């Protein structure tokens, strides 16, 4: 190898090292300026996250008939008039102790202990604001094999507890399966609507993409190159705008519902498929148009279909129809058990279709 070649290789290696070094420095800078380390170390957030994850791990798939027993209690302690002794309430054969500790250094703590309950059962505590019966929040509890439970994690801070608040301790003594929950039925219905939105958008965008692909792929004519040069910036601009944004004018034009979602996803998916189709045709010049149009392009569109389903779930948050609407509603109402049903439906649907599309794609690639 001559000296000029050695100098070229050395310069190339130095350039690569500088690029990787620049990326590393940018990573460190972004990590330092973007990530909030105080939030990561916030134990209160960990407690909230644990409560949410616990609720998500108990999806509301089924409806049960419960035999319950309710006991109403008026809270007597608060930190404005602290009482050194805990409030003890007798409930049939069980006892519940409400202990408000206002001496904690940083913030007061609240603890509810129950003994003498029916072992291995569940229940919840219904909280109401002072002197009114307007629902405030629910706190679940689980009774262990010894008939006791302990509750320390509440959806509010102990500072907000005021004497005079009404709570109801609800014991679920037994439960009997009745049917699928209304949430399950609504989720299936909306998930099916989401699949329909994605399917329609994929089919329409594939049909729109094919003529443009024929014009810009495998052409050496001046008008073909000119059309390609003109179209590529437009496609790049359309791909850069997420359907979550384009759905806003779509629902203004067509109204809230799946129609606007189909339009928004079709616009984005058409730009994506034109690019995928044309690049694939240029890379596989040995394949004729008939094979591309009947085998390879439909498979590429099917792979885009799974992506469009994911987009369709998000579109629902903005009024574009589908399962995103009930998912947003459940999260806004802090009903994470219902939200879990929608999340599981999305995972199962998208995961199954994605796996199927990969199997079909690999089979076609082997048969080429």
Protein backbone atom coordinates (compact mmCIF):
# COMPACT_ATOMS: atom_id res chain seq x y z
CA UNK A 1 0.00 0.00 0.00
CA UNK A 2 1.45 3.43 -0.95
CA UNK A 3 1.88 6.35 1.41
CA UNK A 4 -1.07 8.21 -0.08
CA UNK A 5 -3.37 5.27 0.72
CA UNK A 6 -2.03 5.08 4.28
CA UNK A 7 -2.68 8.80 4.75
CA UNK A 8 -6.25 8.41 3.44
CA UNK A 9 -6.97 5.52 5.81
CA UNK A 10 -5.50 7.42 8.73
CA UNK A 11 -7.56 10.53 7.95
CA UNK A 12 -10.68 8.38 7.64
CA UNK A 13 -10.04 6.73 11.02
CA UNK A 14 -9.45 10.10 12.67
CA UNK A 15 -12.71 11.39 11.21
CA UNK A 16 -14.66 8.40 12.57
CA UNK A 17 -13.07 8.81 16.00
CA UNK A 18 -14.04 12.50 16.06
CA UNK A 19 -17.63 11.66 15.07
CA UNK A 20 -17.97 9.02 17.80
CA UNK A 21 -16.37 11.37 20.32
CA UNK A 22 -18.81 14.12 19.35
CA UNK A 23 -21.76 11.74 19.77
CA UNK A 24 -20.47 10.65 23.18
CA UNK A 25 -20.10 14.26 24.34
CA UNK A 26 -23.59 15.09 23.08
CA UNK A 27 -24.97 12.06 24.93
CA UNK A 28 -23.34 13.14 28.19
CA UNK A 29 -24.53 16.72 27.72
CA UNK A 30 -28.12 15.60 26.97
CA UNK A 31 -28.10 13.19 29.92
CA UNK A 32 -27.02 15.98 32.23
CA UNK A 33 -29.38 18.71 30.96
CA UNK A 34 -32.48 16.67 30.10
CA UNK A 35 -32.85 13.95 32.74
CA UNK A 36 -34.21 15.16 36.10
CA UNK A 37 -32.32 13.06 38.63
CA UNK A 38 -34.28 14.50 41.56
CA UNK A 39 -37.48 12.99 40.16
CA UNK A 40 -35.78 9.64 39.71
CA UNK A 41 -34.75 9.62 43.37
CA UNK A 42 -38.16 10.81 44.64
CA UNK A 43 -39.50 8.10 46.95
CA UNK A 44 -43.00 9.55 46.89
CA UNK A 45 -43.14 9.01 43.13
CA UNK A 46 -42.02 5.42 43.66
CA UNK A 47 -44.95 4.95 46.04
CA UNK A 48 -47.39 6.37 43.49
CA UNK A 49 -45.89 4.25 40.72
CA UNK A 50 -46.22 1.13 42.87
CA UNK A 51 -49.89 1.86 43.48
CA UNK A 52 -50.53 2.39 39.76
CA UNK A 53 -48.62 -0.75 38.72
CA UNK A 54 -50.52 -2.76 41.33
CA UNK A 55 -53.82 -1.58 39.85
CA UNK A 56 -52.62 -2.28 36.30
CA UNK A 57 -51.73 -5.81 37.36
CA UNK A 58 -55.41 -6.41 38.25
CA UNK A 59 -57.28 -5.84 34.98
CA UNK A 60 -61.04 -5.54 35.24
CA UNK A 61 -61.90 -8.42 32.89
CA UNK A 62 -64.86 -9.90 34.75
CA UNK A 63 -67.89 -8.92 36.81
CA UNK A 64 -68.57 -10.56 40.14
CA UNK A 65 -71.41 -10.54 42.58
CA UNK A 66 -70.08 -9.62 46.02
CA UNK A 67 -71.44 -10.26 49.44
CA UNK A 68 -70.32 -7.14 51.27
CA UNK A 69 -70.52 -5.58 54.70
CA UNK A 70 -70.19 -1.82 55.12
CA UNK A 71 -69.33 0.23 58.17
CA UNK A 72 -69.46 4.04 58.23
CA UNK A 73 -66.89 5.93 60.32
CA UNK A 74 -66.53 9.65 61.07
CA UNK A 75 -62.86 10.58 61.46
CA UNK A 76 -62.06 12.38 64.69
CA UNK A 77 -58.38 13.33 64.36
CA UNK A 78 -56.50 15.84 62.24
CA UNK A 79 -53.23 17.75 62.56
CA UNK A 80 -54.94 21.01 63.54
CA UNK A 81 -56.24 19.34 66.71
CA UNK A 82 -53.89 16.37 67.14
CA UNK A 83 -54.81 13.51 69.42
CA UNK A 84 -52.04 11.37 70.82
CA UNK A 85 -54.19 8.24 70.80
CA UNK A 86 -55.40 6.45 67.69
CA UNK A 87 -59.10 6.30 66.83
CA UNK A 88 -60.42 2.76 67.33
CA UNK A 89 -63.69 1.58 65.79
CA UNK A 90 -65.47 -1.70 66.53
CA UNK A 91 -67.00 -3.29 63.42
CA UNK A 92 -69.05 -6.36 64.20
CA UNK A 93 -66.38 -8.96 65.08
CA UNK A 94 -63.48 -6.84 63.80
CA UNK A 95 -61.57 -3.77 64.94
CA UNK A 96 -60.09 -0.95 62.84
CA UNK A 97 -57.51 1.52 64.15
CA UNK A 98 -56.98 4.91 62.50
CA UNK A 99 -53.61 6.37 63.49
CA UNK A 100 -52.67 9.89 62.35
CA UNK A 101 -49.09 10.81 63.28
CA UNK A 102 -48.49 14.56 63.04
CA UNK A 103 -45.03 14.47 64.69
CA UNK A 104 -43.20 13.20 61.61
CA UNK A 105 -40.33 15.50 60.70
CA UNK A 106 -41.22 16.15 57.08
CA UNK A 107 -44.92 15.36 56.71
CA UNK A 108 -47.65 13.64 58.72
CA UNK A 109 -48.39 9.97 58.12
CA UNK A 110 -51.66 8.08 58.26
CA UNK A 111 -52.07 4.37 58.98
CA UNK A 112 -55.14 2.14 59.07
CA UNK A 113 -54.87 -1.26 60.76
CA UNK A 114 -57.59 -3.87 60.76
CA UNK A 115 -57.84 -7.06 62.87
CA UNK A 116 -60.43 -9.78 63.27
CA UNK A 117 -61.54 -9.71 59.63
CA UNK A 118 -62.44 -12.74 57.52
CA UNK A 119 -59.08 -14.18 56.35
CA UNK A 120 -57.98 -14.07 52.71
CA UNK A 121 -60.63 -11.57 51.61
CA UNK A 122 -60.43 -8.12 50.08
CA UNK A 123 -62.15 -4.81 50.56
CA UNK A 124 -61.79 -1.11 50.04
CA UNK A 125 -62.13 2.14 51.93
CA UNK A 126 -64.37 4.79 50.40
CA UNK A 127 -63.35 8.36 51.31
CA UNK A 128 -65.72 11.31 51.25
CA UNK A 129 -65.00 15.03 51.78
CA UNK A 130 -66.03 16.73 54.98
CA UNK A 131 -69.80 16.73 55.70
CA UNK A 132 -70.77 15.63 52.15
CA UNK A 133 -71.30 12.32 50.45
CA UNK A 134 -69.48 13.17 47.25
CA UNK A 135 -66.99 10.41 46.40
CA UNK A 136 -63.37 11.43 46.97
CA UNK A 137 -61.30 8.27 46.42
CA UNK A 138 -61.11 4.51 46.96
CA UNK A 139 -58.31 2.68 48.75
CA UNK A 140 -58.23 -1.13 48.42
CA UNK A 141 -56.94 -3.50 51.09
CA UNK A 142 -56.27 -7.24 51.32
CA UNK A 143 -56.84 -9.27 54.48
CA UNK A 144 -54.11 -11.84 55.19
CA UNK A 145 -54.58 -15.40 56.47
CA UNK A 146 -54.53 -14.09 60.04
CA UNK A 147 -57.48 -11.75 59.49
CA UNK A 148 -55.45 -8.51 59.49
CA UNK A 149 -54.67 -5.76 57.00
CA UNK A 150 -52.53 -2.63 56.93
CA UNK A 151 -53.07 0.41 54.70
CA UNK A 152 -50.46 3.15 54.40
CA UNK A 153 -50.67 4.16 50.72
CA UNK A 154 -53.44 6.64 49.94
CA UNK A 155 -54.28 8.65 46.79
CA UNK A 156 -53.82 11.87 48.79
CA UNK A 157 -51.54 13.31 51.46
CA UNK A 158 -52.18 13.01 55.19
CA UNK A 159 -52.28 16.82 55.47
CA UNK A 160 -55.64 16.84 53.70
CA UNK A 161 -57.32 14.69 56.36
CA UNK A 162 -59.73 16.76 58.44
CA UNK A 163 -61.86 15.65 61.36
CA UNK A 164 -65.41 15.16 60.21
CA UNK A 165 -64.47 13.33 57.03
CA UNK A 166 -66.71 10.36 56.40
CA UNK A 167 -65.31 7.02 55.28
CA UNK A 168 -66.95 3.68 54.63
CA UNK A 169 -65.05 0.44 55.20
CA UNK A 170 -66.38 -2.13 52.73
CA UNK A 171 -65.59 -5.80 53.36
CA UNK A 172 -65.98 -8.14 50.40
CA UNK A 173 -66.89 -11.36 52.16
CA UNK A 174 -67.36 -13.50 49.02
CA UNK A 175 -67.58 -13.12 45.27
CA UNK A 176 -69.26 -15.13 42.49
CA UNK A 177 -68.40 -14.87 38.79
CA UNK A 178 -71.24 -13.38 36.76
CA UNK A 179 -70.03 -12.30 33.30
CA UNK A 180 -67.40 -10.41 31.38
CA UNK A 181 -67.22 -6.85 32.60
CA UNK A 182 -68.70 -3.95 30.67
CA UNK A 183 -65.14 -2.70 30.28
CA UNK A 184 -64.17 -5.91 28.47
CA UNK A 185 -67.08 -5.60 26.04
CA UNK A 186 -66.34 -1.91 25.38
CA UNK A 187 -62.65 -2.70 24.91
CA UNK A 188 -63.33 -5.45 22.36
CA UNK A 189 -65.68 -3.14 20.46
CA UNK A 190 -63.22 -0.23 20.40
CA UNK A 191 -60.23 -2.45 19.63
CA UNK A 192 -62.13 -3.82 16.63
CA UNK A 193 -62.85 -0.24 15.55
CA UNK A 194 -59.13 0.57 15.90
CA UNK A 195 -58.22 -2.38 13.67
CA UNK A 196 -60.79 -1.24 11.11
CA UNK A 197 -59.36 2.30 11.12
CA UNK A 198 -55.84 0.98 10.56
CA UNK A 199 -56.97 -1.52 7.91
CA UNK A 200 -58.88 1.07 5.87
CA UNK A 201 -56.02 3.56 6.11
CA UNK A 202 -53.50 0.90 5.03
CA UNK A 203 -55.55 -0.30 2.04
CA UNK A 204 -56.33 3.21 0.80
CA UNK A 205 -52.73 4.37 1.24
CA UNK A 206 -51.38 1.28 -0.58
CA UNK A 207 -53.69 1.94 -3.55
CA UNK A 208 -52.62 5.60 -3.61
CA UNK A 209 -48.92 4.73 -3.26
CA UNK A 210 -48.71 2.30 -6.22
CA UNK A 211 -49.20 4.88 -9.05
CA UNK A 212 -46.64 7.22 -7.50
CA UNK A 213 -44.22 4.32 -7.05
CA UNK A 214 -44.48 3.39 -10.74
CA UNK A 215 -43.68 6.99 -11.67
CA UNK A 216 -40.60 7.43 -9.49
CA UNK A 217 -39.07 3.92 -9.40
CA UNK A 218 -36.96 2.34 -12.14
CA UNK A 219 -37.18 5.24 -14.53
CA UNK A 220 -34.34 6.87 -16.42
CA UNK A 221 -36.40 9.43 -18.35
CA UNK A 222 -35.88 13.14 -17.61
CA UNK A 223 -39.52 13.65 -16.61
CA UNK A 224 -39.31 10.65 -14.27
CA UNK A 225 -36.20 12.02 -12.53
CA UNK A 226 -37.83 15.43 -12.31
CA UNK A 227 -40.97 14.00 -10.79
CA UNK A 228 -38.85 12.08 -8.28
CA UNK A 229 -36.93 15.20 -7.29
CA UNK A 230 -40.18 17.13 -6.88
CA UNK A 231 -42.00 14.42 -4.92
CA UNK A 232 -39.31 13.45 -2.41
CA UNK A 233 -39.35 16.75 -0.41
CA UNK A 234 -43.16 16.57 -0.24
CA UNK A 235 -43.03 12.98 1.04
CA UNK A 236 -40.40 13.93 3.61
CA UNK A 237 -42.57 16.81 4.85
CA UNK A 238 -45.66 14.58 5.16
CA UNK A 239 -43.70 11.86 7.00
CA UNK A 240 -42.32 14.42 9.43
CA UNK A 241 -45.83 15.35 10.67
CA UNK A 242 -47.24 12.75 13.03
CA UNK A 243 -50.89 11.75 12.45
CA UNK A 244 -51.56 12.89 16.02
CA UNK A 245 -51.19 16.42 14.62
CA UNK A 246 -52.94 15.96 11.28
CA UNK A 247 -55.94 14.37 13.01
CA UNK A 248 -56.80 17.79 14.49
CA UNK A 249 -57.77 19.42 11.16
CA UNK A 250 -59.21 16.06 10.05
CA UNK A 251 -61.72 15.95 12.92
CA UNK A 252 -62.50 19.65 12.41
CA UNK A 253 -63.34 18.83 8.79
CA UNK A 254 -65.06 15.47 9.31
CA UNK A 255 -66.10 15.55 12.96
CA UNK A 256 -64.99 13.53 15.99
CA UNK A 257 -64.86 9.81 15.27
CA UNK A 258 -63.10 7.16 13.21
CA UNK A 259 -63.49 8.97 9.85
CA UNK A 260 -61.03 11.67 10.85
CA UNK A 261 -58.66 9.01 12.17
CA UNK A 262 -58.74 7.13 8.84
CA UNK A 263 -57.94 10.33 6.92
CA UNK A 264 -55.03 11.32 9.19
CA UNK A 265 -53.40 7.88 9.11
CA UNK A 266 -53.97 7.51 5.34
CA UNK A 267 -52.08 10.73 4.64
CA UNK A 268 -49.09 9.63 6.72
CA UNK A 269 -49.16 5.99 5.58
CA UNK A 270 -49.29 6.94 1.88
CA UNK A 271 -46.05 8.91 2.17
CA UNK A 272 -44.40 6.04 4.05
CA UNK A 273 -45.53 3.36 1.59
CA UNK A 274 -44.47 5.35 -1.49
CA UNK A 275 -40.97 5.50 -0.02
CA UNK A 276 -40.95 1.81 0.96
CA UNK A 277 -42.37 0.62 -2.37
CA UNK A 278 -40.02 2.71 -4.49
CA UNK A 279 -36.91 1.80 -2.50
CA UNK A 280 -37.82 -1.89 -2.60
CA UNK A 281 -38.42 -1.76 -6.37
CA UNK A 282 -35.07 -0.03 -6.92
CA UNK A 283 -33.23 -2.59 -4.76
CA UNK A 284 -34.83 -5.61 -6.48
CA UNK A 285 -34.62 -4.83 -10.17
CA UNK A 286 -34.78 -8.56 -11.00
CA UNK A 287 -38.44 -8.71 -9.90
CA UNK A 288 -41.09 -7.82 -12.46
CA UNK A 289 -43.92 -5.42 -11.72
CA UNK A 290 -46.52 -8.19 -11.58
CA UNK A 291 -44.65 -9.93 -8.75
CA UNK A 292 -44.07 -6.68 -6.92
CA UNK A 293 -47.71 -5.61 -7.16
CA UNK A 294 -49.24 -8.95 -6.19
CA UNK A 295 -46.77 -10.29 -3.60
CA UNK A 296 -44.13 -7.93 -2.25
CA UNK A 297 -46.02 -4.63 -2.09
CA UNK A 298 -49.03 -6.18 -0.26
CA UNK A 299 -46.62 -7.71 2.26
CA UNK A 300 -44.91 -4.38 2.82
CA UNK A 301 -48.35 -2.82 3.31
CA UNK A 302 -49.26 -5.56 5.80
CA UNK A 303 -46.17 -4.74 7.83
CA UNK A 304 -47.20 -1.09 7.77
CA UNK A 305 -50.66 -2.21 8.96
CA UNK A 306 -49.27 -3.14 12.40
CA UNK A 307 -47.62 0.28 12.64
CA UNK A 308 -50.90 1.94 11.69
CA UNK A 309 -52.70 0.06 14.47
CA UNK A 310 -50.28 1.54 17.01
CA UNK A 311 -50.88 4.99 15.52
CA UNK A 312 -54.65 4.41 15.58
CA UNK A 313 -54.56 3.73 19.32
CA UNK A 314 -52.94 7.13 19.90
CA UNK A 315 -55.27 8.88 17.45
CA UNK A 316 -58.15 8.03 19.79
CA UNK A 317 -56.69 10.36 22.43
CA UNK A 318 -57.40 13.28 20.08
CA UNK A 319 -60.91 12.19 19.09
CA UNK A 320 -60.00 10.01 16.11
CA UNK A 321 -62.02 7.01 17.32
CA UNK A 322 -60.93 3.60 18.48
CA UNK A 323 -59.61 2.24 21.74
CA UNK A 324 -57.56 5.34 22.53
CA UNK A 325 -60.72 7.12 23.69
CA UNK A 326 -61.62 4.66 26.46
CA UNK A 327 -57.94 4.32 27.41
CA UNK A 328 -57.67 8.08 27.87
CA UNK A 329 -60.96 8.14 29.78
CA UNK A 330 -59.81 5.42 32.19
CA UNK A 331 -56.48 7.14 32.83
CA UNK A 332 -58.12 10.53 33.41
CA UNK A 333 -60.47 8.93 35.95
CA UNK A 334 -57.50 7.15 37.60
CA UNK A 335 -59.28 3.87 36.85
CA UNK A 336 -56.13 1.90 36.10
CA UNK A 337 -57.83 -1.50 36.26
CA UNK A 338 -60.01 -0.54 33.28
CA UNK A 339 -56.98 1.02 31.56
CA UNK A 340 -55.14 -2.27 32.01
CA UNK A 341 -57.80 -4.11 29.98
CA UNK A 342 -57.32 -1.69 27.07
CA UNK A 343 -53.51 -1.92 27.29
CA UNK A 344 -53.62 -5.73 27.25
CA UNK A 345 -55.97 -5.67 24.24
CA UNK A 346 -53.53 -3.42 22.38
CA UNK A 347 -50.53 -5.60 23.23
CA UNK A 348 -52.27 -8.82 22.17
CA UNK A 349 -53.66 -7.37 18.92
CA UNK A 350 -50.56 -5.53 17.77
CA UNK A 351 -48.18 -8.28 18.91
CA UNK A 352 -50.14 -11.01 17.12
CA UNK A 353 -50.39 -9.08 13.85
CA UNK A 354 -46.74 -8.06 14.00
CA UNK A 355 -45.66 -11.66 14.49
CA UNK A 356 -47.88 -12.77 11.61
CA UNK A 357 -46.48 -10.09 9.30
CA UNK A 358 -42.92 -11.14 10.12
CA UNK A 359 -43.69 -14.78 9.36
CA UNK A 360 -45.24 -13.86 6.00
CA UNK A 361 -42.33 -11.55 5.17
CA UNK A 362 -39.70 -14.18 5.96
CA UNK A 363 -41.57 -16.75 3.86
CA UNK A 364 -41.65 -14.40 0.86
CA UNK A 365 -37.97 -13.57 1.25
CA UNK A 366 -37.08 -17.30 1.20
CA UNK A 367 -39.12 -17.89 -1.94
CA UNK A 368 -37.50 -15.12 -3.97
